[in-house]
């Protein structure tokens, strides 16, 4: 089965502390059903000093469950479902169900 949300997609958060925020997917973790979205679900971690990193408190994006995000429709930026269809030339593509706009190849 093809993945519905991929790296580089713009998504909207549907649930949790960052509900309503949107961002770009930077990493997909398919085995755990999670993904990392830029600027969403920020957490702080106390970092011990290493040879390459300075000690201190660093902030980074934690993963978020795929079920808590939805693809952002290219036309209006609101949450939409993703569907699959085959074009006349035989290519299988993803499309936004809200507007019907083609997103890209699978």
Protein backbone atom coordinates (compact mmCIF):
# COMPACT_ATOMS: atom_id res chain seq x y z
CA UNK A 1 0.00 0.00 0.00
CA UNK A 2 1.26 3.46 -0.86
CA UNK A 3 1.87 5.95 1.95
CA UNK A 4 -0.67 8.76 2.02
CA UNK A 5 1.56 11.37 3.70
CA UNK A 6 5.14 11.70 2.51
CA UNK A 7 8.23 13.75 3.32
CA UNK A 8 7.83 17.32 2.07
CA UNK A 9 4.01 17.40 2.36
CA UNK A 10 2.32 20.33 4.12
CA UNK A 11 0.12 19.06 6.96
CA UNK A 12 -2.28 20.48 9.56
CA UNK A 13 -2.33 19.18 13.16
CA UNK A 14 -5.81 17.95 14.18
CA UNK A 15 -5.25 17.04 17.85
CA UNK A 16 -2.92 17.71 20.76
CA UNK A 17 -1.16 20.76 22.17
CA UNK A 18 -0.33 22.09 18.69
CA UNK A 19 -3.85 21.71 17.25
CA UNK A 20 -4.36 24.06 14.29
CA UNK A 21 -0.67 24.52 13.52
CA UNK A 22 0.69 23.54 10.14
CA UNK A 23 4.12 22.64 8.89
CA UNK A 24 6.15 20.56 6.46
CA UNK A 25 6.88 16.88 7.10
CA UNK A 26 10.63 16.46 7.57
CA UNK A 27 10.75 12.75 8.38
CA UNK A 28 8.34 9.79 8.18
CA UNK A 29 8.63 6.82 10.54
CA UNK A 30 6.38 4.19 8.86
CA UNK A 31 7.10 1.30 11.25
CA UNK A 32 5.84 3.26 14.27
CA UNK A 33 3.13 5.21 12.40
CA UNK A 34 4.61 8.57 13.30
CA UNK A 35 6.17 11.55 11.56
CA UNK A 36 8.15 14.68 12.38
CA UNK A 37 6.68 18.04 11.36
CA UNK A 38 8.77 21.20 11.20
CA UNK A 39 7.96 23.59 14.07
CA UNK A 40 5.33 21.29 15.64
CA UNK A 41 5.49 19.33 18.94
CA UNK A 42 8.61 21.13 20.16
CA UNK A 43 10.26 19.59 23.23
CA UNK A 44 13.30 20.57 25.29
CA UNK A 45 16.06 18.18 26.24
CA UNK A 46 19.00 18.64 28.57
CA UNK A 47 22.06 17.82 26.48
CA UNK A 48 25.26 16.54 28.07
CA UNK A 49 28.43 17.93 26.52
CA UNK A 50 30.17 15.78 23.91
CA UNK A 51 33.16 16.36 21.66
CA UNK A 52 30.93 17.90 19.00
CA UNK A 53 27.98 19.37 20.98
CA UNK A 54 27.97 22.06 23.65
CA UNK A 55 26.12 21.27 26.91
CA UNK A 56 22.80 22.98 27.52
CA UNK A 57 19.08 22.78 26.89
CA UNK A 58 18.25 22.17 23.25
CA UNK A 59 14.87 22.34 21.59
CA UNK A 60 13.78 20.02 18.78
CA UNK A 61 10.69 18.51 17.13
CA UNK A 62 9.38 15.26 18.60
CA UNK A 63 7.41 12.80 16.50
CA UNK A 64 3.62 13.02 16.22
CA UNK A 65 1.15 10.26 15.36
CA UNK A 66 0.02 10.16 11.73
CA UNK A 67 -3.61 9.97 12.91
CA UNK A 68 -3.26 13.43 14.49
CA UNK A 69 -2.39 15.20 11.22
CA UNK A 70 -4.11 15.72 7.89
CA UNK A 71 -2.81 16.86 4.52
CA UNK A 72 -3.22 20.62 3.94
CA UNK A 73 -5.24 21.27 0.79
CA UNK A 74 -3.11 23.15 -1.79
CA UNK A 75 -5.95 25.57 -2.63
CA UNK A 76 -7.01 26.84 0.82
CA UNK A 77 -4.66 25.21 3.37
CA UNK A 78 -7.46 23.43 5.25
CA UNK A 79 -7.32 19.76 6.24
CA UNK A 80 -8.28 17.24 3.56
CA UNK A 81 -8.19 13.52 2.96
CA UNK A 82 -5.96 12.02 0.28
CA UNK A 83 -7.22 9.70 -2.43
CA UNK A 84 -5.59 7.74 -5.20
CA UNK A 85 -6.57 7.62 -8.86
CA UNK A 86 -5.10 6.48 -12.14
CA UNK A 87 -4.76 9.09 -14.89
CA UNK A 88 -5.46 8.46 -18.58
CA UNK A 89 -1.75 7.96 -19.27
CA UNK A 90 -1.59 5.15 -16.68
CA UNK A 91 0.15 7.03 -13.84
CA UNK A 92 -1.15 6.47 -10.30
CA UNK A 93 -1.36 9.80 -8.46
CA UNK A 94 -2.47 11.19 -5.10
CA UNK A 95 -5.19 13.85 -5.07
CA UNK A 96 -6.81 16.08 -2.46
CA UNK A 97 -10.42 14.96 -1.94
CA UNK A 98 -11.49 18.46 -0.82
CA UNK A 99 -10.56 20.23 -4.06
CA UNK A 100 -9.79 17.35 -6.42
CA UNK A 101 -6.36 18.78 -7.16
CA UNK A 102 -3.62 16.30 -8.09
CA UNK A 103 -0.79 16.26 -5.52
CA UNK A 104 1.80 14.14 -7.28
CA UNK A 105 2.88 10.66 -8.31
CA UNK A 106 2.79 7.78 -5.86
